[in-house]
């Protein structure tokens, strides 16, 4: 697996995304990026907090990007705007004790 994995948060239950992130870390990803748009933003934040507080206390938030994306309408005429978030998680590097 590459050094970075992307998880897109949508309509599924939060634990599905938590499991996807944990799987990515266990398969060798050094960083996982959790992305969401619109109403899924709060779910993405919940996913990251569950990972940090319950499953991986050695995970840290490396970066948070917020923005607005243009989404084309289905009929092809125009577009609408949706807020977006991207949260990068990484493992804390442990120092070796001598």
C-alpha atoms as a PDB file:
ATOM      1  CA  UNK A   1       0.000   0.000   0.000  1.00  0.00           C
ATOM      2  CA  UNK A   2       1.186   3.547  -0.612  1.00  0.00           C
ATOM      3  CA  UNK A   3       2.293   5.842   2.164  1.00  0.00           C
ATOM      4  CA  UNK A   4      -1.018   7.727   2.127  1.00  0.00           C
ATOM      5  CA  UNK A   5      -4.593   6.444   1.930  1.00  0.00           C
ATOM      6  CA  UNK A   6      -7.768   8.468   1.308  1.00  0.00           C
ATOM      7  CA  UNK A   7     -11.108   7.679   2.946  1.00  0.00           C
ATOM      8  CA  UNK A   8     -14.176   9.504   1.619  1.00  0.00           C
ATOM      9  CA  UNK A   9     -16.909   9.873   4.259  1.00  0.00           C
ATOM     10  CA  UNK A  10     -20.495   9.667   3.038  1.00  0.00           C
ATOM     11  CA  UNK A  11     -23.796   8.171   4.160  1.00  0.00           C
ATOM     12  CA  UNK A  12     -22.612   4.951   5.825  1.00  0.00           C
ATOM     13  CA  UNK A  13     -22.355   4.626   9.625  1.00  0.00           C
ATOM     14  CA  UNK A  14     -19.233   6.223  11.159  1.00  0.00           C
ATOM     15  CA  UNK A  15     -17.773   2.908  12.334  1.00  0.00           C
ATOM     16  CA  UNK A  16     -17.475   1.756   8.706  1.00  0.00           C
ATOM     17  CA  UNK A  17     -15.071   4.635   8.067  1.00  0.00           C
ATOM     18  CA  UNK A  18     -13.229   4.053  11.352  1.00  0.00           C
ATOM     19  CA  UNK A  19     -12.635   0.461  10.289  1.00  0.00           C
ATOM     20  CA  UNK A  20     -11.474   1.584   6.830  1.00  0.00           C
ATOM     21  CA  UNK A  21      -8.934   3.968   8.401  1.00  0.00           C
ATOM     22  CA  UNK A  22      -7.648   1.359  10.847  1.00  0.00           C
ATOM     23  CA  UNK A  23      -7.316  -1.151   8.022  1.00  0.00           C
ATOM     24  CA  UNK A  24      -5.308   1.338   5.965  1.00  0.00           C
ATOM     25  CA  UNK A  25      -2.925   1.940   8.877  1.00  0.00           C
ATOM     26  CA  UNK A  26      -2.503  -1.790   9.524  1.00  0.00           C
ATOM     27  CA  UNK A  27      -1.771  -2.418   5.841  1.00  0.00           C
ATOM     28  CA  UNK A  28       1.171  -0.029   5.976  1.00  0.00           C
ATOM     29  CA  UNK A  29      -0.144   3.469   5.293  1.00  0.00           C
ATOM     30  CA  UNK A  30       1.838   6.047   7.258  1.00  0.00           C
ATOM     31  CA  UNK A  31      -0.882   8.664   6.777  1.00  0.00           C
ATOM     32  CA  UNK A  32      -4.635   8.505   6.207  1.00  0.00           C
ATOM     33  CA  UNK A  33      -6.623  11.417   4.797  1.00  0.00           C
ATOM     34  CA  UNK A  34     -10.300  11.556   5.784  1.00  0.00           C
ATOM     35  CA  UNK A  35     -12.320  13.661   3.333  1.00  0.00           C
ATOM     36  CA  UNK A  36     -15.954  14.787   3.385  1.00  0.00           C
ATOM     37  CA  UNK A  37     -18.324  17.324   1.821  1.00  0.00           C
ATOM     38  CA  UNK A  38     -21.449  19.032   3.033  1.00  0.00           C
ATOM     39  CA  UNK A  39     -23.428  17.333   5.771  1.00  0.00           C
ATOM     40  CA  UNK A  40     -20.853  14.547   6.097  1.00  0.00           C
ATOM     41  CA  UNK A  41     -18.262  16.932   7.553  1.00  0.00           C
ATOM     42  CA  UNK A  42     -19.425  16.379  11.138  1.00  0.00           C
ATOM     43  CA  UNK A  43     -19.305  12.614  10.595  1.00  0.00           C
ATOM     44  CA  UNK A  44     -15.719  12.892   9.330  1.00  0.00           C
ATOM     45  CA  UNK A  45     -14.724  14.780  12.483  1.00  0.00           C
ATOM     46  CA  UNK A  46     -16.429  12.100  14.597  1.00  0.00           C
ATOM     47  CA  UNK A  47     -14.527   9.366  12.727  1.00  0.00           C
ATOM     48  CA  UNK A  48     -11.176  11.028  13.374  1.00  0.00           C
ATOM     49  CA  UNK A  49     -11.964  11.575  17.048  1.00  0.00           C
ATOM     50  CA  UNK A  50     -13.048   7.945  17.550  1.00  0.00           C
ATOM     51  CA  UNK A  51      -9.808   6.767  15.958  1.00  0.00           C
ATOM     52  CA  UNK A  52      -7.683   9.083  18.125  1.00  0.00           C
ATOM     53  CA  UNK A  53      -9.485   8.519  21.420  1.00  0.00           C
ATOM     54  CA  UNK A  54     -10.509   4.847  21.290  1.00  0.00           C
ATOM     55  CA  UNK A  55      -8.402   2.866  18.839  1.00  0.00           C
ATOM     56  CA  UNK A  56      -5.114   4.662  18.129  1.00  0.00           C
ATOM     57  CA  UNK A  57      -3.953   6.985  20.892  1.00  0.00           C
ATOM     58  CA  UNK A  58      -0.643   7.288  19.000  1.00  0.00           C
ATOM     59  CA  UNK A  59      -2.395   8.919  16.013  1.00  0.00           C
ATOM     60  CA  UNK A  60      -2.163  12.671  15.585  1.00  0.00           C
ATOM     61  CA  UNK A  61      -3.799  15.195  13.306  1.00  0.00           C
ATOM     62  CA  UNK A  62      -1.134  16.409  10.885  1.00  0.00           C
ATOM     63  CA  UNK A  63      -3.203  18.849   8.841  1.00  0.00           C
ATOM     64  CA  UNK A  64      -6.769  20.086   8.346  1.00  0.00           C
ATOM     65  CA  UNK A  65      -7.854  21.747   5.100  1.00  0.00           C
ATOM     66  CA  UNK A  66     -11.255  23.319   4.611  1.00  0.00           C
ATOM     67  CA  UNK A  67     -12.693  24.768   1.466  1.00  0.00           C
ATOM     68  CA  UNK A  68     -15.539  25.023  -0.995  1.00  0.00           C
ATOM     69  CA  UNK A  69     -15.963  22.797  -4.041  1.00  0.00           C
ATOM     70  CA  UNK A  70     -18.044  23.414  -7.157  1.00  0.00           C
ATOM     71  CA  UNK A  71     -20.303  20.437  -7.858  1.00  0.00           C
ATOM     72  CA  UNK A  72     -21.855  20.286 -11.343  1.00  0.00           C
ATOM     73  CA  UNK A  73     -25.620  19.726 -11.429  1.00  0.00           C
ATOM     74  CA  UNK A  74     -26.970  16.499 -12.942  1.00  0.00           C
ATOM     75  CA  UNK A  75     -28.751  18.294 -15.771  1.00  0.00           C
ATOM     76  CA  UNK A  76     -25.437  19.808 -16.878  1.00  0.00           C
ATOM     77  CA  UNK A  77     -26.589  23.373 -16.366  1.00  0.00           C
ATOM     78  CA  UNK A  78     -24.658  25.218 -13.707  1.00  0.00           C
ATOM     79  CA  UNK A  79     -23.215  24.035 -10.451  1.00  0.00           C
ATOM     80  CA  UNK A  80     -23.642  24.359  -6.724  1.00  0.00           C
ATOM     81  CA  UNK A  81     -21.140  24.894  -3.960  1.00  0.00           C
ATOM     82  CA  UNK A  82     -20.433  22.520  -1.093  1.00  0.00           C
ATOM     83  CA  UNK A  83     -18.126  22.940   1.854  1.00  0.00           C
ATOM     84  CA  UNK A  84     -15.379  20.341   2.188  1.00  0.00           C
ATOM     85  CA  UNK A  85     -12.877  19.164   4.776  1.00  0.00           C
ATOM     86  CA  UNK A  86      -9.740  17.071   4.556  1.00  0.00           C
ATOM     87  CA  UNK A  87      -8.161  15.767   7.787  1.00  0.00           C
ATOM     88  CA  UNK A  88      -4.730  14.129   7.589  1.00  0.00           C
ATOM     89  CA  UNK A  89      -3.938  11.596  10.329  1.00  0.00           C
ATOM     90  CA  UNK A  90      -0.507  10.170  10.979  1.00  0.00           C
ATOM     91  CA  UNK A  91       1.175   7.984  13.567  1.00  0.00           C
ATOM     92  CA  UNK A  92       3.298   9.635  16.220  1.00  0.00           C
ATOM     93  CA  UNK A  93       6.873   8.487  15.865  1.00  0.00           C
ATOM     94  CA  UNK A  94       8.092   6.986  19.090  1.00  0.00           C
ATOM     95  CA  UNK A  95      11.614   7.821  20.151  1.00  0.00           C
ATOM     96  CA  UNK A  96      13.865   4.924  21.043  1.00  0.00           C
ATOM     97  CA  UNK A  97      14.859   4.816  24.700  1.00  0.00           C
ATOM     98  CA  UNK A  98      18.465   3.850  25.392  1.00  0.00           C
END
